[in-house]
Amino acid sequence: MAKRITPLTAAKIRTVKTTEKPQKLFDGGGLFLLVTPSGGKLWRFKYRFEEKKRYLFLAHPLTLRSVEIAWSAQVRLCGRFRKLLARGKNRNTVVTAITRELSAFMWAIARTAIPAGQN
């Protein structure tokens, strides 16, 4: 049985202490925050491809504001998905509506992670 992972909160990220060795704080689904001994906080994504472990390194560090936006988006969209299905809406229509809303949240996160003028 897979271990249940509690998602990271902004408060947990802010208060994490550095140690002599790098530590990984998992957020679920392969995403984790790597805390370096020097105090750096780097987001990484662990996945498997062709039976090998691989890591995706996020080029721009996620700010705490980005994490808060992402968490609020997840909570809101999950709730909205359930409500629309409960009202008897067509599943494909619901998925399309949620996808459009998700793209707006992704745009908001990108705008906080990459300041204007940087590419």
C-alpha atoms as a PDB file:
ATOM      1  CA  MET A   1       0.000   0.000   0.000  1.00  0.00           C
ATOM      2  CA  ALA A   2       1.320   3.426  -0.961  1.00  0.00           C
ATOM      3  CA  LYS A   3       2.255   5.842   1.778  1.00  0.00           C
ATOM      4  CA  ARG A   4      -0.133   8.803   2.085  1.00  0.00           C
ATOM      5  CA  ILE A   5       1.710  12.112   1.799  1.00  0.00           C
ATOM      6  CA  THR A   6       0.350  15.297   3.325  1.00  0.00           C
ATOM      7  CA  PRO A   7       0.802  18.211   0.891  1.00  0.00           C
ATOM      8  CA  LEU A   8       3.257  20.915   1.883  1.00  0.00           C
ATOM      9  CA  THR A   9       1.861  24.167   3.208  1.00  0.00           C
ATOM     10  CA  ALA A  10       3.341  27.642   2.845  1.00  0.00           C
ATOM     11  CA  ALA A  11       3.920  27.728   6.619  1.00  0.00           C
ATOM     12  CA  LYS A  12       5.865  24.439   6.520  1.00  0.00           C
ATOM     13  CA  ILE A  13       8.023  25.698   3.647  1.00  0.00           C
ATOM     14  CA  ARG A  14       8.748  28.971   5.455  1.00  0.00           C
ATOM     15  CA  THR A  15       9.760  27.287   8.733  1.00  0.00           C
ATOM     16  CA  VAL A  16      11.859  24.374   7.453  1.00  0.00           C
ATOM     17  CA  LYS A  17      15.304  24.222   9.067  1.00  0.00           C
ATOM     18  CA  THR A  18      18.476  23.410   7.172  1.00  0.00           C
ATOM     19  CA  THR A  19      20.522  20.313   8.044  1.00  0.00           C
ATOM     20  CA  GLU A  20      24.011  19.070   7.202  1.00  0.00           C
ATOM     21  CA  LYS A  21      22.642  16.948   4.351  1.00  0.00           C
ATOM     22  CA  PRO A  22      20.115  17.974   1.680  1.00  0.00           C
ATOM     23  CA  GLN A  23      16.576  17.015   2.672  1.00  0.00           C
ATOM     24  CA  LYS A  24      13.545  16.291   0.512  1.00  0.00           C
ATOM     25  CA  LEU A  25      10.083  17.456   1.555  1.00  0.00           C
ATOM     26  CA  PHE A  26       7.541  15.615  -0.580  1.00  0.00           C
ATOM     27  CA  ASP A  27       4.345  17.288  -1.754  1.00  0.00           C
ATOM     28  CA  GLY A  28       2.795  14.232  -3.397  1.00  0.00           C
ATOM     29  CA  GLY A  29       2.669  12.959  -6.960  1.00  0.00           C
ATOM     30  CA  GLY A  30       6.465  13.059  -7.293  1.00  0.00           C
ATOM     31  CA  LEU A  31       6.868  16.781  -6.557  1.00  0.00           C
ATOM     32  CA  PHE A  32       9.272  17.649  -3.754  1.00  0.00           C
ATOM     33  CA  LEU A  33      11.159  20.574  -2.291  1.00  0.00           C
ATOM     34  CA  LEU A  34      14.894  20.040  -1.958  1.00  0.00           C
ATOM     35  CA  VAL A  35      16.330  22.026   0.974  1.00  0.00           C
ATOM     36  CA  THR A  36      20.093  22.427   0.640  1.00  0.00           C
ATOM     37  CA  PRO A  37      22.520  22.823   3.573  1.00  0.00           C
ATOM     38  CA  SER A  38      23.126  26.436   2.485  1.00  0.00           C
ATOM     39  CA  GLY A  39      19.400  27.183   2.835  1.00  0.00           C
ATOM     40  CA  GLY A  40      18.388  26.999  -0.833  1.00  0.00           C
ATOM     41  CA  LYS A  41      14.913  25.703  -1.635  1.00  0.00           C
ATOM     42  CA  LEU A  42      14.595  24.055  -5.038  1.00  0.00           C
ATOM     43  CA  TRP A  43      11.550  22.338  -6.530  1.00  0.00           C
ATOM     44  CA  ARG A  44      12.087  18.971  -8.214  1.00  0.00           C
ATOM     45  CA  PHE A  45       9.761  16.452  -9.866  1.00  0.00           C
ATOM     46  CA  LYS A  46      10.601  12.742  -9.656  1.00  0.00           C
ATOM     47  CA  TYR A  47       9.163  10.350 -12.236  1.00  0.00           C
ATOM     48  CA  ARG A  48       9.903   7.048 -13.935  1.00  0.00           C
ATOM     49  CA  PHE A  49      10.547   6.605 -17.647  1.00  0.00           C
ATOM     50  CA  GLU A  50      11.497   3.269 -19.187  1.00  0.00           C
ATOM     51  CA  GLU A  51      11.868   1.782 -15.688  1.00  0.00           C
ATOM     52  CA  LYS A  52      14.444   4.386 -14.643  1.00  0.00           C
ATOM     53  CA  LYS A  53      14.119   7.164 -12.093  1.00  0.00           C
ATOM     54  CA  ARG A  54      14.275  10.605 -13.643  1.00  0.00           C
ATOM     55  CA  TYR A  55      14.153  14.107 -12.192  1.00  0.00           C
ATOM     56  CA  LEU A  56      12.756  17.275 -13.674  1.00  0.00           C
ATOM     57  CA  PHE A  57      14.402  20.417 -12.342  1.00  0.00           C
ATOM     58  CA  LEU A  58      12.198  23.494 -12.373  1.00  0.00           C
ATOM     59  CA  ALA A  59      14.118  26.349 -13.994  1.00  0.00           C
ATOM     60  CA  HIS A  60      12.488  29.156 -12.044  1.00  0.00           C
ATOM     61  CA  PRO A  61      12.120  28.678  -8.291  1.00  0.00           C
ATOM     62  CA  LEU A  62       8.507  28.684  -7.138  1.00  0.00           C
ATOM     63  CA  THR A  63       7.748  31.422  -4.686  1.00  0.00           C
ATOM     64  CA  LEU A  64       5.530  30.891  -1.667  1.00  0.00           C
ATOM     65  CA  ARG A  65       2.905  32.999  -3.435  1.00  0.00           C
ATOM     66  CA  SER A  66       2.976  30.534  -6.355  1.00  0.00           C
ATOM     67  CA  VAL A  67       2.453  27.627  -3.959  1.00  0.00           C
ATOM     68  CA  GLU A  68      -0.483  29.425  -2.315  1.00  0.00           C
ATOM     69  CA  ILE A  69      -2.070  30.147  -5.713  1.00  0.00           C
ATOM     70  CA  ALA A  70      -1.615  26.514  -6.783  1.00  0.00           C
ATOM     71  CA  TRP A  71      -3.117  25.176  -3.549  1.00  0.00           C
ATOM     72  CA  SER A  72      -6.137  27.466  -3.745  1.00  0.00           C
ATOM     73  CA  ALA A  73      -6.604  26.494  -7.402  1.00  0.00           C
ATOM     74  CA  GLN A  74      -6.552  22.799  -6.552  1.00  0.00           C
ATOM     75  CA  VAL A  75      -9.074  23.157  -3.733  1.00  0.00           C
ATOM     76  CA  ARG A  76     -11.384  25.377  -5.769  1.00  0.00           C
ATOM     77  CA  LEU A  77     -11.296  23.283  -8.951  1.00  0.00           C
ATOM     78  CA  CYS A  78     -11.855  19.990  -7.130  1.00  0.00           C
ATOM     79  CA  GLY A  79     -14.875  21.482  -5.377  1.00  0.00           C
ATOM     80  CA  ARG A  80     -16.225  22.957  -8.577  1.00  0.00           C
ATOM     81  CA  PHE A  81     -15.763  19.643 -10.426  1.00  0.00           C
ATOM     82  CA  ARG A  82     -17.768  17.781  -7.770  1.00  0.00           C
ATOM     83  CA  LYS A  83     -20.541  20.415  -7.709  1.00  0.00           C
ATOM     84  CA  LEU A  84     -20.988  20.451 -11.478  1.00  0.00           C
ATOM     85  CA  LEU A  85     -21.135  16.649 -11.656  1.00  0.00           C
ATOM     86  CA  ALA A  86     -23.620  16.576  -8.771  1.00  0.00           C
ATOM     87  CA  ARG A  87     -25.867  18.973 -10.746  1.00  0.00           C
ATOM     88  CA  GLY A  88     -26.005  16.409 -13.535  1.00  0.00           C
ATOM     89  CA  LYS A  89     -23.813  18.218 -16.057  1.00  0.00           C
ATOM     90  CA  ASN A  90     -22.173  16.222 -18.854  1.00  0.00           C
ATOM     91  CA  ARG A  91     -18.736  14.993 -17.708  1.00  0.00           C
ATOM     92  CA  ASN A  92     -16.985  16.212 -20.897  1.00  0.00           C
ATOM     93  CA  THR A  93     -18.499  19.684 -20.453  1.00  0.00           C
ATOM     94  CA  VAL A  94     -17.341  19.766 -16.829  1.00  0.00           C
ATOM     95  CA  VAL A  95     -13.799  18.688 -17.743  1.00  0.00           C
ATOM     96  CA  THR A  96     -13.639  21.371 -20.457  1.00  0.00           C
ATOM     97  CA  ALA A  97     -14.789  24.079 -18.029  1.00  0.00           C
ATOM     98  CA  ILE A  98     -12.294  22.981 -15.367  1.00  0.00           C
ATOM     99  CA  THR A  99      -9.479  22.849 -17.944  1.00  0.00           C
ATOM    100  CA  ARG A 100     -10.166  26.414 -19.044  1.00  0.00           C
ATOM    101  CA  GLU A 101     -10.180  27.604 -15.452  1.00  0.00           C
ATOM    102  CA  LEU A 102      -6.969  25.671 -14.740  1.00  0.00           C
ATOM    103  CA  SER A 103      -5.208  27.420 -17.627  1.00  0.00           C
ATOM    104  CA  ALA A 104      -6.060  30.783 -16.027  1.00  0.00           C
ATOM    105  CA  PHE A 105      -4.539  29.637 -12.732  1.00  0.00           C
ATOM    106  CA  MET A 106      -1.422  28.399 -14.535  1.00  0.00           C
ATOM    107  CA  TRP A 107      -1.093  31.815 -16.169  1.00  0.00           C
ATOM    108  CA  ALA A 108      -1.311  33.472 -12.729  1.00  0.00           C
ATOM    109  CA  ILE A 109       1.382  31.176 -11.344  1.00  0.00           C
ATOM    110  CA  ALA A 110       3.651  31.836 -14.331  1.00  0.00           C
ATOM    111  CA  ARG A 111       3.254  35.590 -13.840  1.00  0.00           C
ATOM    112  CA  THR A 112       4.345  35.328 -10.182  1.00  0.00           C
ATOM    113  CA  ALA A 113       7.218  32.925 -10.921  1.00  0.00           C
ATOM    114  CA  ILE A 114       8.666  34.801 -13.906  1.00  0.00           C
ATOM    115  CA  PRO A 115       8.681  38.586 -13.464  1.00  0.00           C
ATOM    116  CA  ALA A 116       7.831  40.741 -16.485  1.00  0.00           C
ATOM    117  CA  GLY A 117      10.711  41.175 -18.905  1.00  0.00           C
ATOM    118  CA  GLN A 118      12.425  37.859 -18.059  1.00  0.00           C
ATOM    119  CA  ASN A 119      12.157  34.860 -20.362  1.00  0.00           C
END
